[in-house]
Amino acid sequence: MKRIPRLLGDQGGVTAIEYALIAALIAIAIVGGVALVGVELHSMYERICSAVSEALGGGAC
């Protein structure tokens, strides 16, 4: 019976879960940001390719 109050007072596991949730949210934000940047970067390269191809007289990108 002496172990139950000590077990209920232990906050170590709760802190670890909080840190894990924070790390997961940061990871989701990073993945979302990279995905958005990737789409924009692809669009930029397509525009550059089209412009260069047009300047050189046509051709495939």
PDB file of N, CA and C in Angstrom:
ATOM      1  N   MET A   1       0.814  -1.202   0.000  1.00  0.00           N
ATOM      2  CA  MET A   1       0.000   0.000   0.000  1.00  0.00           C
ATOM      3  C   MET A   1       0.853   1.259   0.000  1.00  0.00           C
ATOM      4  N   LYS A   2       2.079   1.155   0.449  1.00  0.00           N
ATOM      5  CA  LYS A   2       2.937   2.338   0.480  1.00  0.00           C
ATOM      6  C   LYS A   2       3.394   2.738  -0.917  1.00  0.00           C
ATOM      7  N   ARG A   3       3.348   1.828  -1.847  1.00  0.00           N
ATOM      8  CA  ARG A   3       3.831   2.109  -3.201  1.00  0.00           C
ATOM      9  C   ARG A   3       2.837   2.932  -4.013  1.00  0.00           C
ATOM     10  N   ILE A   4       1.571   2.836  -3.735  1.00  0.00           N
ATOM     11  CA  ILE A   4       0.555   3.520  -4.535  1.00  0.00           C
ATOM     12  C   ILE A   4       0.711   5.042  -4.467  1.00  0.00           C
ATOM     13  N   PRO A   5       0.815   5.665  -3.304  1.00  0.00           N
ATOM     14  CA  PRO A   5       1.003   7.128  -3.281  1.00  0.00           C
ATOM     15  C   PRO A   5       2.298   7.561  -3.965  1.00  0.00           C
ATOM     16  N   ARG A   6       3.340   6.768  -3.798  1.00  0.00           N
ATOM     17  CA  ARG A   6       4.613   7.101  -4.446  1.00  0.00           C
ATOM     18  C   ARG A   6       4.476   6.990  -5.966  1.00  0.00           C
ATOM     19  N   LEU A   7       3.757   5.976  -6.424  1.00  0.00           N
ATOM     20  CA  LEU A   7       3.546   5.778  -7.850  1.00  0.00           C
ATOM     21  C   LEU A   7       2.702   6.904  -8.441  1.00  0.00           C
ATOM     22  N   LEU A   8       1.685   7.337  -7.718  1.00  0.00           N
ATOM     23  CA  LEU A   8       0.835   8.425  -8.193  1.00  0.00           C
ATOM     24  C   LEU A   8       1.569   9.767  -8.200  1.00  0.00           C
ATOM     25  N   GLY A   9       2.543   9.923  -7.344  1.00  0.00           N
ATOM     26  CA  GLY A   9       3.306  11.165  -7.262  1.00  0.00           C
ATOM     27  C   GLY A   9       4.421  11.252  -8.284  1.00  0.00           C
ATOM     28  N   ASP A  10       4.746  10.154  -8.951  1.00  0.00           N
ATOM     29  CA  ASP A  10       5.824  10.138  -9.933  1.00  0.00           C
ATOM     30  C   ASP A  10       5.377  10.863 -11.200  1.00  0.00           C
ATOM     31  N   GLN A  11       6.080  11.917 -11.582  1.00  0.00           N
ATOM     32  CA  GLN A  11       5.736  12.715 -12.758  1.00  0.00           C
ATOM     33  C   GLN A  11       6.692  12.469 -13.930  1.00  0.00           C
ATOM     34  N   GLY A  12       7.619  11.555 -13.792  1.00  0.00           N
ATOM     35  CA  GLY A  12       8.613  11.313 -14.836  1.00  0.00           C
ATOM     36  C   GLY A  12       8.003  10.847 -16.139  1.00  0.00           C
ATOM     37  N   GLY A  13       7.054   9.953 -16.084  1.00  0.00           N
ATOM     38  CA  GLY A  13       6.423   9.459 -17.297  1.00  0.00           C
ATOM     39  C   GLY A  13       5.597  10.518 -17.995  1.00  0.00           C
ATOM     40  N   VAL A  14       4.936  11.346 -17.227  1.00  0.00           N
ATOM     41  CA  VAL A  14       4.113  12.417 -17.795  1.00  0.00           C
ATOM     42  C   VAL A  14       4.998  13.407 -18.533  1.00  0.00           C
ATOM     43  N   THR A  15       6.128  13.747 -17.955  1.00  0.00           N
ATOM     44  CA  THR A  15       7.048  14.682 -18.600  1.00  0.00           C
ATOM     45  C   THR A  15       7.578  14.108 -19.898  1.00  0.00           C
ATOM     46  N   ALA A  16       7.907  12.839 -19.909  1.00  0.00           N
ATOM     47  CA  ALA A  16       8.408  12.201 -21.123  1.00  0.00           C
ATOM     48  C   ALA A  16       7.340  12.217 -22.219  1.00  0.00           C
ATOM     49  N   ILE A  17       6.107  11.990 -21.860  1.00  0.00           N
ATOM     50  CA  ILE A  17       5.018  12.030 -22.842  1.00  0.00           C
ATOM     51  C   ILE A  17       4.846  13.443 -23.382  1.00  0.00           C
ATOM     52  N   GLU A  18       4.944  14.442 -22.527  1.00  0.00           N
ATOM     53  CA  GLU A  18       4.824  15.825 -22.982  1.00  0.00           C
ATOM     54  C   GLU A  18       5.924  16.168 -23.978  1.00  0.00           C
ATOM     55  N   TYR A  19       7.150  15.763 -23.667  1.00  0.00           N
ATOM     56  CA  TYR A  19       8.260  16.022 -24.585  1.00  0.00           C
ATOM     57  C   TYR A  19       8.068  15.278 -25.899  1.00  0.00           C
ATOM     58  N   ALA A  20       7.543  14.083 -25.855  1.00  0.00           N
ATOM     59  CA  ALA A  20       7.293  13.316 -27.077  1.00  0.00           C
ATOM     60  C   ALA A  20       6.229  14.006 -27.931  1.00  0.00           C
ATOM     61  N   LEU A  21       5.186  14.528 -27.310  1.00  0.00           N
ATOM     62  CA  LEU A  21       4.149  15.245 -28.052  1.00  0.00           C
ATOM     63  C   LEU A  21       4.691  16.521 -28.687  1.00  0.00           C
ATOM     64  N   ILE A  22       5.516  17.239 -27.950  1.00  0.00           N
ATOM     65  CA  ILE A  22       6.130  18.456 -28.497  1.00  0.00           C
ATOM     66  C   ILE A  22       7.019  18.105 -29.685  1.00  0.00           C
ATOM     67  N   ALA A  23       7.827  17.055 -29.549  1.00  0.00           N
ATOM     68  CA  ALA A  23       8.704  16.634 -30.646  1.00  0.00           C
ATOM     69  C   ALA A  23       7.887  16.205 -31.864  1.00  0.00           C
ATOM     70  N   ALA A  24       6.778  15.528 -31.641  1.00  0.00           N
ATOM     71  CA  ALA A  24       5.927  15.100 -32.755  1.00  0.00           C
ATOM     72  C   ALA A  24       5.319  16.309 -33.468  1.00  0.00           C
ATOM     73  N   LEU A  25       4.873  17.292 -32.733  1.00  0.00           N
ATOM     74  CA  LEU A  25       4.306  18.497 -33.348  1.00  0.00           C
ATOM     75  C   LEU A  25       5.359  19.257 -34.152  1.00  0.00           C
ATOM     76  N   ILE A  26       6.567  19.340 -33.616  1.00  0.00           N
ATOM     77  CA  ILE A  26       7.649  19.997 -34.348  1.00  0.00           C
ATOM     78  C   ILE A  26       7.960  19.234 -35.628  1.00  0.00           C
ATOM     79  N   ALA A  27       7.988  17.905 -35.547  1.00  0.00           N
ATOM     80  CA  ALA A  27       8.261  17.091 -36.730  1.00  0.00           C
ATOM     81  C   ALA A  27       7.180  17.280 -37.789  1.00  0.00           C
ATOM     82  N   ILE A  28       5.928  17.347 -37.375  1.00  0.00           N
ATOM     83  CA  ILE A  28       4.828  17.562 -38.326  1.00  0.00           C
ATOM     84  C   ILE A  28       4.972  18.929 -38.994  1.00  0.00           C
ATOM     85  N   ALA A  29       5.332  19.938 -38.228  1.00  0.00           N
ATOM     86  CA  ALA A  29       5.521  21.276 -38.793  1.00  0.00           C
ATOM     87  C   ALA A  29       6.666  21.297 -39.802  1.00  0.00           C
ATOM     88  N   ILE A  30       7.745  20.608 -39.490  1.00  0.00           N
ATOM     89  CA  ILE A  30       8.893  20.560 -40.401  1.00  0.00           C
ATOM     90  C   ILE A  30       8.517  19.838 -41.690  1.00  0.00           C
ATOM     91  N   VAL A  31       7.851  18.696 -41.574  1.00  0.00           N
ATOM     92  CA  VAL A  31       7.454  17.937 -42.768  1.00  0.00           C
ATOM     93  C   VAL A  31       6.509  18.767 -43.630  1.00  0.00           C
ATOM     94  N   GLY A  32       5.557  19.443 -43.018  1.00  0.00           N
ATOM     95  CA  GLY A  32       4.639  20.293 -43.773  1.00  0.00           C
ATOM     96  C   GLY A  32       5.355  21.430 -44.474  1.00  0.00           C
ATOM     97  N   GLY A  33       6.284  22.056 -43.782  1.00  0.00           N
ATOM     98  CA  GLY A  33       7.056  23.146 -44.385  1.00  0.00           C
ATOM     99  C   GLY A  33       7.909  22.676 -45.543  1.00  0.00           C
ATOM    100  N   VAL A  34       8.558  21.543 -45.383  1.00  0.00           N
ATOM    101  CA  VAL A  34       9.390  21.001 -46.458  1.00  0.00           C
ATOM    102  C   VAL A  34       8.535  20.626 -47.662  1.00  0.00           C
ATOM    103  N   ALA A  35       7.366  20.080 -47.418  1.00  0.00           N
ATOM    104  CA  ALA A  35       6.474  19.723 -48.522  1.00  0.00           C
ATOM    105  C   ALA A  35       6.051  20.968 -49.301  1.00  0.00           C
ATOM    106  N   LEU A  36       5.719  22.038 -48.602  1.00  0.00           N
ATOM    107  CA  LEU A  36       5.326  23.275 -49.282  1.00  0.00           C
ATOM    108  C   LEU A  36       6.483  23.872 -50.065  1.00  0.00           C
ATOM    109  N   VAL A  37       7.654  23.873 -49.473  1.00  0.00           N
ATOM    110  CA  VAL A  37       8.830  24.409 -50.155  1.00  0.00           C
ATOM    111  C   VAL A  37       9.153  23.553 -51.376  1.00  0.00           C
ATOM    112  N   GLY A  38       8.995  22.240 -51.263  1.00  0.00           N
ATOM    113  CA  GLY A  38       9.263  21.349 -52.385  1.00  0.00           C
ATOM    114  C   GLY A  38       8.362  21.640 -53.569  1.00  0.00           C
ATOM    115  N   VAL A  39       7.094  21.878 -53.317  1.00  0.00           N
ATOM    116  CA  VAL A  39       6.154  22.192 -54.398  1.00  0.00           C
ATOM    117  C   VAL A  39       6.532  23.516 -55.053  1.00  0.00           C
ATOM    118  N   GLU A  40       6.848  24.508 -54.251  1.00  0.00           N
ATOM    119  CA  GLU A  40       7.233  25.806 -54.793  1.00  0.00           C
ATOM    120  C   GLU A  40       8.539  25.712 -55.571  1.00  0.00           C
ATOM    121  N   LEU A  41       9.475  24.942 -55.083  1.00  0.00           N
ATOM    122  CA  LEU A  41      10.756  24.776 -55.754  1.00  0.00           C
ATOM    123  C   LEU A  41      10.574  24.073 -57.093  1.00  0.00           C
ATOM    124  N   HIS A  42       9.724  23.073 -57.132  1.00  0.00           N
ATOM    125  CA  HIS A  42       9.444  22.375 -58.388  1.00  0.00           C
ATOM    126  C   HIS A  42       8.831  23.335 -59.399  1.00  0.00           C
ATOM    127  N   SER A  43       7.908  24.155 -58.969  1.00  0.00           N
ATOM    128  CA  SER A  43       7.275  25.138 -59.858  1.00  0.00           C
ATOM    129  C   SER A  43       8.309  26.133 -60.386  1.00  0.00           C
ATOM    130  N   MET A  44       9.216  26.565 -59.531  1.00  0.00           N
ATOM    131  CA  MET A  44      10.247  27.510 -59.947  1.00  0.00           C
ATOM    132  C   MET A  44      11.147  26.887 -61.007  1.00  0.00           C
ATOM    133  N   TYR A  45      11.570  25.636 -60.801  1.00  0.00           N
ATOM    134  CA  TYR A  45      12.421  24.975 -61.784  1.00  0.00           C
ATOM    135  C   TYR A  45      11.692  24.755 -63.100  1.00  0.00           C
ATOM    136  N   GLU A  46      10.404  24.482 -63.056  1.00  0.00           N
ATOM    137  CA  GLU A  46       9.633  24.336 -64.284  1.00  0.00           C
ATOM    138  C   GLU A  46       9.592  25.653 -65.051  1.00  0.00           C
ATOM    139  N   ARG A  47       9.398  26.773 -64.345  1.00  0.00           N
ATOM    140  CA  ARG A  47       9.388  28.082 -65.008  1.00  0.00           C
ATOM    141  C   ARG A  47      10.749  28.397 -65.621  1.00  0.00           C
ATOM    142  N   ILE A  48      11.820  28.093 -64.886  1.00  0.00           N
ATOM    143  CA  ILE A  48      13.170  28.337 -65.402  1.00  0.00           C
ATOM    144  C   ILE A  48      13.421  27.473 -66.632  1.00  0.00           C
ATOM    145  N   CYS A  49      13.049  26.212 -66.575  1.00  0.00           N
ATOM    146  CA  CYS A  49      13.246  25.302 -67.688  1.00  0.00           C
ATOM    147  C   CYS A  49      12.489  25.781 -68.919  1.00  0.00           C
ATOM    148  N   SER A  50      11.264  26.203 -68.720  1.00  0.00           N
ATOM    149  CA  SER A  50      10.464  26.709 -69.844  1.00  0.00           C
ATOM    150  C   SER A  50      11.092  27.953 -70.448  1.00  0.00           C
ATOM    151  N   ALA A  51      11.553  28.864 -69.607  1.00  0.00           N
ATOM    152  CA  ALA A  51      12.155  30.092 -70.098  1.00  0.00           C
ATOM    153  C   ALA A  51      13.444  29.805 -70.869  1.00  0.00           C
ATOM    154  N   VAL A  52      14.287  28.944 -70.351  1.00  0.00           N
ATOM    155  CA  VAL A  52      15.541  28.604 -71.021  1.00  0.00           C
ATOM    156  C   VAL A  52      15.251  27.870 -72.332  1.00  0.00           C
ATOM    157  N   SER A  53      14.315  26.938 -72.284  1.00  0.00           N
ATOM    158  CA  SER A  53      13.960  26.184 -73.480  1.00  0.00           C
ATOM    159  C   SER A  53      13.405  27.102 -74.574  1.00  0.00           C
ATOM    160  N   GLU A  54      12.572  28.051 -74.168  1.00  0.00           N
ATOM    161  CA  GLU A  54      12.011  29.003 -75.113  1.00  0.00           C
ATOM    162  C   GLU A  54      13.103  29.904 -75.680  1.00  0.00           C
ATOM    163  N   ALA A  55      14.041  30.339 -74.840  1.00  0.00           N
ATOM    164  CA  ALA A  55      15.123  31.215 -75.289  1.00  0.00           C
ATOM    165  C   ALA A  55      16.057  30.496 -76.264  1.00  0.00           C
ATOM    166  N   LEU A  56      16.184  29.195 -76.126  1.00  0.00           N
ATOM    167  CA  LEU A  56      17.080  28.433 -76.988  1.00  0.00           C
ATOM    168  C   LEU A  56      16.369  27.868 -78.209  1.00  0.00           C
ATOM    169  N   GLY A  57      15.139  28.214 -78.402  1.00  0.00           N
ATOM    170  CA  GLY A  57      14.440  27.790 -79.596  1.00  0.00           C
ATOM    171  C   GLY A  57      13.574  26.568 -79.439  1.00  0.00           C
ATOM    172  N   GLY A  58      13.177  26.255 -78.249  1.00  0.00           N
ATOM    173  CA  GLY A  58      12.283  25.117 -78.027  1.00  0.00           C
ATOM    174  C   GLY A  58      13.040  23.895 -77.558  1.00  0.00           C
ATOM    175  N   GLY A  59      12.282  22.860 -77.293  1.00  0.00           N
ATOM    176  CA  GLY A  59      12.877  21.624 -76.788  1.00  0.00           C
ATOM    177  C   GLY A  59      12.176  21.192 -75.530  1.00  0.00           C
ATOM    178  N   ALA A  60      12.497  20.006 -75.117  1.00  0.00           N
ATOM    179  CA  ALA A  60      11.860  19.438 -73.925  1.00  0.00           C
ATOM    180  C   ALA A  60      12.655  19.798 -72.673  1.00  0.00           C
ATOM    181  N   CYS A  61      11.954  19.885 -71.599  1.00  0.00           N
ATOM    182  CA  CYS A  61      12.595  20.151 -70.309  1.00  0.00           C
ATOM    183  C   CYS A  61      13.028  18.853 -69.668  1.00  0.00           C
TER     184      CYS A  61
END
